[in-house]
């Protein structure tokens, strides 16, 4: 069971591209995120990642819905709902061999996603968003509200 990570992600990497860090993270780890979400959430997990990719591709302005979807993906990858027998994630997770290298890859993806989402929060708290390249005009206090 391999989630086909083309590039092993190290939690210390940063994404400096034209958009927000979350855009760079999804561009670089798109296939791995789709595969990991499929392993942990089935078709619903894949749909979640596809919705995020679609939202990120439309523009750099993140809506509240996109932020919520990002947090839902964090929860899926971090196994937040695995203990609930009524959730599909419990069954998907039980099918994964804990010694499979895919588990480490999913942990790295989770760390990377958390770092990219945390960077959004940091940008919101920054004194002047206008000075951050690629962000000018894309963020407004009414559009990004992170519940971290």
Protein backbone atom coordinates (compact mmCIF):
# COMPACT_ATOMS: atom_id res chain seq x y z
CA UNK A 1 0.00 0.00 0.00
CA UNK A 2 1.84 3.07 -1.23
CA UNK A 3 0.39 6.54 -1.56
CA UNK A 4 2.88 7.42 -4.28
CA UNK A 5 4.64 10.39 -2.78
CA UNK A 6 6.79 11.69 -5.62
CA UNK A 7 8.78 13.80 -3.19
CA UNK A 8 9.14 12.92 0.46
CA UNK A 9 7.93 15.91 2.45
CA UNK A 10 9.98 17.16 5.35
CA UNK A 11 8.07 19.23 7.88
CA UNK A 12 10.78 21.92 7.75
CA UNK A 13 10.19 22.74 4.07
CA UNK A 14 8.46 25.97 3.17
CA UNK A 15 6.48 26.92 0.10
CA UNK A 16 7.28 30.25 -1.42
CA UNK A 17 5.30 30.55 -4.61
CA UNK A 18 3.03 33.11 -6.15
CA UNK A 19 0.03 32.13 -4.04
CA UNK A 20 -0.46 31.20 -0.42
CA UNK A 21 1.58 28.36 1.13
CA UNK A 22 -1.47 26.11 0.98
CA UNK A 23 -1.51 26.39 -2.82
CA UNK A 24 2.10 25.27 -3.08
CA UNK A 25 1.51 22.41 -0.69
CA UNK A 26 -1.45 21.10 -2.70
CA UNK A 27 0.40 21.53 -5.99
CA UNK A 28 3.36 19.51 -4.76
CA UNK A 29 1.43 16.83 -2.85
CA UNK A 30 -1.77 16.55 -4.85
CA UNK A 31 -1.50 12.85 -5.70
CA UNK A 32 -0.27 11.86 -2.25
CA UNK A 33 -3.16 13.76 -0.61
CA UNK A 34 -5.69 12.10 -2.92
CA UNK A 35 -4.27 8.66 -2.19
CA UNK A 36 -4.02 9.19 1.56
CA UNK A 37 -7.56 10.58 1.73
CA UNK A 38 -8.76 7.58 -0.26
CA UNK A 39 -7.06 5.15 2.11
CA UNK A 40 -8.47 6.86 5.20
CA UNK A 41 -11.86 8.04 3.94
CA UNK A 42 -12.72 6.13 0.79
CA UNK A 43 -14.50 7.99 -2.00
CA UNK A 44 -15.65 10.67 0.45
CA UNK A 45 -12.02 11.38 1.37
CA UNK A 46 -11.05 11.67 -2.29
CA UNK A 47 -14.03 13.97 -2.90
CA UNK A 48 -12.89 16.18 -0.02
CA UNK A 49 -9.42 16.64 -1.51
CA UNK A 50 -10.89 17.24 -4.97
CA UNK A 51 -13.19 19.94 -3.57
CA UNK A 52 -10.22 21.67 -1.94
CA UNK A 53 -8.15 21.46 -5.12
CA UNK A 54 -11.06 22.92 -7.09
CA UNK A 55 -11.51 25.76 -4.59
CA UNK A 56 -7.78 26.56 -4.58
CA UNK A 57 -7.62 26.53 -8.37
CA UNK A 58 -10.45 29.04 -8.74
CA UNK A 59 -8.55 31.86 -7.04
CA UNK A 60 -6.23 32.71 -4.18
CA UNK A 61 -9.03 34.13 -2.04
CA UNK A 62 -9.95 31.49 0.54
CA UNK A 63 -13.57 31.34 1.61
CA UNK A 64 -14.80 30.14 4.97
CA UNK A 65 -15.99 26.97 3.27
CA UNK A 66 -12.50 26.26 1.89
CA UNK A 67 -11.00 26.81 5.33
CA UNK A 68 -13.55 24.39 6.80
CA UNK A 69 -12.69 21.81 4.14
CA UNK A 70 -9.00 22.18 4.98
CA UNK A 71 -9.76 21.50 8.63
CA UNK A 72 -11.89 18.50 7.66
CA UNK A 73 -8.93 17.13 5.70
CA UNK A 74 -6.65 17.73 8.68
CA UNK A 75 -9.09 15.76 10.83
CA UNK A 76 -9.18 12.91 8.31
CA UNK A 77 -5.41 12.64 7.99
CA UNK A 78 -4.89 13.00 11.75
CA UNK A 79 -7.39 10.19 12.44
CA UNK A 80 -9.56 12.44 14.59
CA UNK A 81 -12.70 10.36 14.01
CA UNK A 82 -11.20 6.87 13.92
CA UNK A 83 -12.47 5.97 17.39
CA UNK A 84 -16.11 6.54 16.42
CA UNK A 85 -17.62 3.22 15.29
CA UNK A 86 -20.30 5.09 13.33
CA UNK A 87 -17.71 6.79 11.10
CA UNK A 88 -16.41 5.20 7.91
CA UNK A 89 -12.86 6.30 8.79
CA UNK A 90 -12.75 3.68 11.54
CA UNK A 91 -13.21 0.87 9.04
CA UNK A 92 -10.77 2.31 6.51
CA UNK A 93 -8.10 2.80 9.16
CA UNK A 94 -8.51 -0.73 10.50
CA UNK A 95 -7.64 -2.07 7.03
CA UNK A 96 -4.19 -0.41 7.10
CA UNK A 97 -1.23 -2.34 8.48
CA UNK A 98 0.27 -0.03 11.11
CA UNK A 99 3.77 -1.15 10.06
CA UNK A 100 3.18 -0.19 6.43
CA UNK A 101 5.44 2.72 5.33
CA UNK A 102 2.30 4.49 4.14
CA UNK A 103 1.59 5.36 7.79
CA UNK A 104 4.79 7.42 8.03
CA UNK A 105 3.98 9.12 4.72
CA UNK A 106 0.51 10.04 5.94
CA UNK A 107 2.01 11.47 9.14
CA UNK A 108 4.37 13.64 7.07
CA UNK A 109 1.50 14.81 4.88
CA UNK A 110 -0.51 15.65 7.99
CA UNK A 111 2.38 17.67 9.43
CA UNK A 112 2.82 19.48 6.13
CA UNK A 113 -0.87 20.29 5.84
CA UNK A 114 -0.93 21.60 9.39
CA UNK A 115 2.10 23.80 8.66
CA UNK A 116 0.49 25.21 5.51
CA UNK A 117 -2.80 25.92 7.31
CA UNK A 118 -0.89 27.46 10.24
CA UNK A 119 0.87 29.73 7.75
CA UNK A 120 -2.55 31.02 6.70
CA UNK A 121 -3.26 31.88 10.30
CA UNK A 122 0.10 33.65 10.59
CA UNK A 123 -0.63 35.69 7.47
CA UNK A 124 -3.94 36.76 8.97
CA UNK A 125 -2.18 37.97 12.13
CA UNK A 126 0.61 39.73 10.20
CA UNK A 127 0.61 43.51 10.68
CA UNK A 128 0.67 44.20 6.95
CA UNK A 129 -0.51 41.61 4.49
CA UNK A 130 0.38 43.96 1.65
CA UNK A 131 4.12 43.30 2.20
CA UNK A 132 3.85 39.54 1.65
CA UNK A 133 4.54 38.70 -2.02
CA UNK A 134 1.67 36.96 -3.77
CA UNK A 135 -0.83 37.75 -1.04
CA UNK A 136 -1.65 41.38 -1.70
CA UNK A 137 -5.33 41.78 -2.34
CA UNK A 138 -6.09 38.11 -1.77
CA UNK A 139 -6.86 38.12 1.92
CA UNK A 140 -9.34 40.08 3.88
CA UNK A 141 -10.31 39.66 7.48
CA UNK A 142 -13.81 38.62 6.47
CA UNK A 143 -12.56 35.89 4.13
CA UNK A 144 -10.01 34.09 6.28
CA UNK A 145 -11.00 33.16 9.78
CA UNK A 146 -9.15 30.15 11.06
CA UNK A 147 -10.35 28.19 14.02
CA UNK A 148 -7.05 26.74 15.21
